[in-house]
Amino acid sequence: MDCMMYDNNGLATYTMSKALEAYEEGYAVYIAHPLDEDPDDRLFSAEEIMEADGHLFIIKEVVLADE
């Protein structure tokens, strides 16, 4: 699998190619800030993901709240 682990929370981080694949499948993609206290930033397009090449990414399932 195309992932790496960081932090003690056991979060999986992924490379740009895996992040693009997940984004195209409808997952939410975030740029990881493992050493900062800042929250991870969500990316909303393939272009944003490609511009962040060299960083690691977090992939999360999109959960829609029932209305």
N, C-alpha and C. Protein backbone atom coordinates (compact mmCIF):
# COMPACT_ATOMS: atom_id res chain seq x y z
N MET A 1 0.85 -1.18 0.00
CA MET A 1 0.00 0.00 0.00
C MET A 1 0.89 1.24 0.00
N ASP A 2 0.37 2.30 -0.56
CA ASP A 2 1.09 3.55 -0.75
C ASP A 2 0.84 4.48 0.43
N CYS A 3 1.26 4.06 1.66
CA CYS A 3 1.01 4.92 2.81
C CYS A 3 2.19 4.90 3.76
N MET A 4 2.20 5.87 4.64
CA MET A 4 3.20 5.96 5.70
C MET A 4 2.45 6.29 6.98
N MET A 5 3.06 6.01 8.11
CA MET A 5 2.44 6.34 9.38
C MET A 5 3.18 7.50 10.03
N TYR A 6 2.46 8.35 10.75
CA TYR A 6 3.10 9.40 11.52
C TYR A 6 2.30 9.61 12.79
N ASP A 7 2.94 10.26 13.75
CA ASP A 7 2.30 10.65 15.00
C ASP A 7 1.95 9.42 15.83
N ASN A 8 1.63 9.63 17.05
CA ASN A 8 1.25 8.54 17.94
C ASN A 8 -0.23 8.23 17.86
N ASN A 9 -0.96 9.02 17.11
CA ASN A 9 -2.41 8.78 16.98
C ASN A 9 -2.70 7.67 15.98
N GLY A 10 -1.69 7.17 15.29
CA GLY A 10 -1.90 6.09 14.34
C GLY A 10 -2.59 6.51 13.07
N LEU A 11 -2.47 7.77 12.69
CA LEU A 11 -3.09 8.22 11.45
C LEU A 11 -2.24 7.80 10.26
N ALA A 12 -2.88 7.29 9.22
CA ALA A 12 -2.18 6.93 8.00
C ALA A 12 -2.08 8.16 7.10
N THR A 13 -0.92 8.36 6.53
CA THR A 13 -0.75 9.43 5.55
C THR A 13 -0.35 8.81 4.21
N TYR A 14 -0.68 9.52 3.15
CA TYR A 14 -0.53 8.97 1.81
C TYR A 14 0.21 9.95 0.90
N THR A 15 0.75 9.42 -0.18
CA THR A 15 1.43 10.23 -1.19
C THR A 15 0.40 10.88 -2.10
N MET A 16 0.90 11.79 -2.94
CA MET A 16 0.01 12.53 -3.85
C MET A 16 -0.76 11.60 -4.78
N SER A 17 -0.12 10.58 -5.32
CA SER A 17 -0.81 9.70 -6.28
C SER A 17 -2.00 9.00 -5.62
N LYS A 18 -1.82 8.54 -4.39
CA LYS A 18 -2.92 7.88 -3.68
C LYS A 18 -4.00 8.91 -3.30
N ALA A 19 -3.60 10.13 -2.95
CA ALA A 19 -4.56 11.18 -2.61
C ALA A 19 -5.41 11.55 -3.83
N LEU A 20 -4.79 11.63 -5.00
CA LEU A 20 -5.55 11.93 -6.22
C LEU A 20 -6.55 10.82 -6.53
N GLU A 21 -6.10 9.59 -6.39
CA GLU A 21 -6.97 8.45 -6.64
C GLU A 21 -8.17 8.47 -5.69
N ALA A 22 -7.92 8.72 -4.43
CA ALA A 22 -9.00 8.77 -3.43
C ALA A 22 -9.95 9.93 -3.71
N TYR A 23 -9.41 11.10 -4.07
CA TYR A 23 -10.24 12.27 -4.38
C TYR A 23 -11.18 11.95 -5.54
N GLU A 24 -10.66 11.30 -6.56
CA GLU A 24 -11.48 10.94 -7.72
C GLU A 24 -12.56 9.92 -7.37
N GLU A 25 -12.35 9.17 -6.29
CA GLU A 25 -13.35 8.20 -5.83
C GLU A 25 -14.33 8.80 -4.83
N GLY A 26 -14.19 10.11 -4.54
CA GLY A 26 -15.15 10.80 -3.69
C GLY A 26 -14.75 10.96 -2.23
N TYR A 27 -13.51 10.62 -1.88
CA TYR A 27 -13.04 10.79 -0.51
C TYR A 27 -12.59 12.22 -0.26
N ALA A 28 -12.63 12.65 0.99
CA ALA A 28 -12.10 13.96 1.37
C ALA A 28 -10.60 13.81 1.56
N VAL A 29 -9.83 14.77 1.03
CA VAL A 29 -8.37 14.72 1.12
C VAL A 29 -7.89 15.97 1.85
N TYR A 30 -6.99 15.74 2.82
CA TYR A 30 -6.43 16.81 3.63
C TYR A 30 -4.91 16.79 3.51
N ILE A 31 -4.28 17.96 3.55
CA ILE A 31 -2.83 18.01 3.64
C ILE A 31 -2.48 17.87 5.12
N ALA A 32 -1.54 16.99 5.41
CA ALA A 32 -1.20 16.68 6.80
C ALA A 32 -0.23 17.72 7.37
N HIS A 33 -0.47 18.09 8.62
CA HIS A 33 0.43 18.96 9.38
C HIS A 33 0.85 18.20 10.64
N PRO A 34 1.69 17.17 10.50
CA PRO A 34 1.99 16.30 11.63
C PRO A 34 2.76 16.95 12.77
N LEU A 35 3.54 17.97 12.48
CA LEU A 35 4.35 18.59 13.53
C LEU A 35 3.75 19.90 14.05
N ASP A 36 2.69 20.35 13.44
CA ASP A 36 2.04 21.60 13.85
C ASP A 36 0.84 21.32 14.72
N GLU A 37 0.43 22.31 15.44
CA GLU A 37 -0.82 22.21 16.18
C GLU A 37 -1.99 22.67 15.33
N ASP A 38 -1.69 23.16 14.12
CA ASP A 38 -2.74 23.60 13.22
C ASP A 38 -3.52 22.39 12.72
N PRO A 39 -4.83 22.58 12.48
CA PRO A 39 -5.61 21.47 11.92
C PRO A 39 -5.17 21.18 10.49
N ASP A 40 -5.39 19.96 10.06
CA ASP A 40 -5.08 19.58 8.68
C ASP A 40 -6.02 20.32 7.75
N ASP A 41 -5.51 20.77 6.61
CA ASP A 41 -6.29 21.57 5.66
C ASP A 41 -6.90 20.68 4.59
N ARG A 42 -8.22 20.83 4.39
CA ARG A 42 -8.88 20.06 3.35
C ARG A 42 -8.60 20.68 1.98
N LEU A 43 -8.38 19.82 1.01
CA LEU A 43 -8.14 20.23 -0.37
C LEU A 43 -9.39 19.89 -1.18
N PHE A 44 -9.80 20.82 -2.04
CA PHE A 44 -11.08 20.66 -2.73
C PHE A 44 -10.98 20.46 -4.24
N SER A 45 -9.76 20.20 -4.75
CA SER A 45 -9.65 19.93 -6.18
C SER A 45 -8.38 19.12 -6.44
N ALA A 46 -8.35 18.46 -7.59
CA ALA A 46 -7.16 17.72 -8.00
C ALA A 46 -5.98 18.69 -8.16
N GLU A 47 -6.26 19.90 -8.63
CA GLU A 47 -5.20 20.90 -8.80
C GLU A 47 -4.56 21.25 -7.46
N GLU A 48 -5.38 21.44 -6.41
CA GLU A 48 -4.83 21.74 -5.09
C GLU A 48 -3.95 20.59 -4.58
N ILE A 49 -4.38 19.37 -4.84
CA ILE A 49 -3.60 18.20 -4.42
C ILE A 49 -2.26 18.18 -5.16
N MET A 50 -2.29 18.41 -6.47
CA MET A 50 -1.05 18.40 -7.25
C MET A 50 -0.10 19.52 -6.83
N GLU A 51 -0.64 20.69 -6.46
CA GLU A 51 0.19 21.79 -6.00
C GLU A 51 0.85 21.49 -4.66
N ALA A 52 0.31 20.55 -3.91
CA ALA A 52 0.85 20.18 -2.60
C ALA A 52 1.78 18.97 -2.70
N ASP A 53 2.22 18.63 -3.90
CA ASP A 53 3.13 17.49 -4.07
C ASP A 53 4.34 17.66 -3.17
N GLY A 54 4.77 16.59 -2.57
CA GLY A 54 5.88 16.64 -1.63
C GLY A 54 5.42 16.59 -0.19
N HIS A 55 4.15 16.87 0.04
CA HIS A 55 3.56 16.75 1.36
C HIS A 55 2.89 15.38 1.49
N LEU A 56 2.49 15.05 2.68
CA LEU A 56 1.71 13.84 2.90
C LEU A 56 0.25 14.23 3.08
N PHE A 57 -0.63 13.30 2.77
CA PHE A 57 -2.06 13.57 2.75
C PHE A 57 -2.81 12.60 3.66
N ILE A 58 -3.90 13.08 4.20
CA ILE A 58 -4.82 12.25 4.98
C ILE A 58 -6.07 12.08 4.14
N ILE A 59 -6.59 10.87 4.10
CA ILE A 59 -7.79 10.56 3.32
C ILE A 59 -8.89 10.13 4.29
N LYS A 60 -10.05 10.76 4.15
CA LYS A 60 -11.17 10.44 5.03
C LYS A 60 -12.42 10.19 4.19
N GLU A 61 -13.25 9.31 4.67
CA GLU A 61 -14.52 9.05 4.02
C GLU A 61 -15.44 10.25 4.25
N VAL A 62 -16.14 10.66 3.23
CA VAL A 62 -17.08 11.77 3.34
C VAL A 62 -18.36 11.24 3.96
N VAL A 63 -18.76 11.84 5.06
CA VAL A 63 -20.00 11.43 5.73
C VAL A 63 -20.96 12.61 5.67
N LEU A 64 -22.10 12.37 5.05
CA LEU A 64 -23.11 13.41 4.93
C LEU A 64 -24.09 13.30 6.08
N ALA A 65 -24.35 14.42 6.71
CA ALA A 65 -25.30 14.44 7.82
C ALA A 65 -26.71 14.33 7.28
N ASP A 66 -27.55 13.56 7.95
CA ASP A 66 -28.95 13.47 7.54
C ASP A 66 -29.65 14.77 7.89
N GLU A 67 -30.50 15.22 7.00
CA GLU A 67 -31.24 16.46 7.24
C GLU A 67 -32.65 16.15 7.68
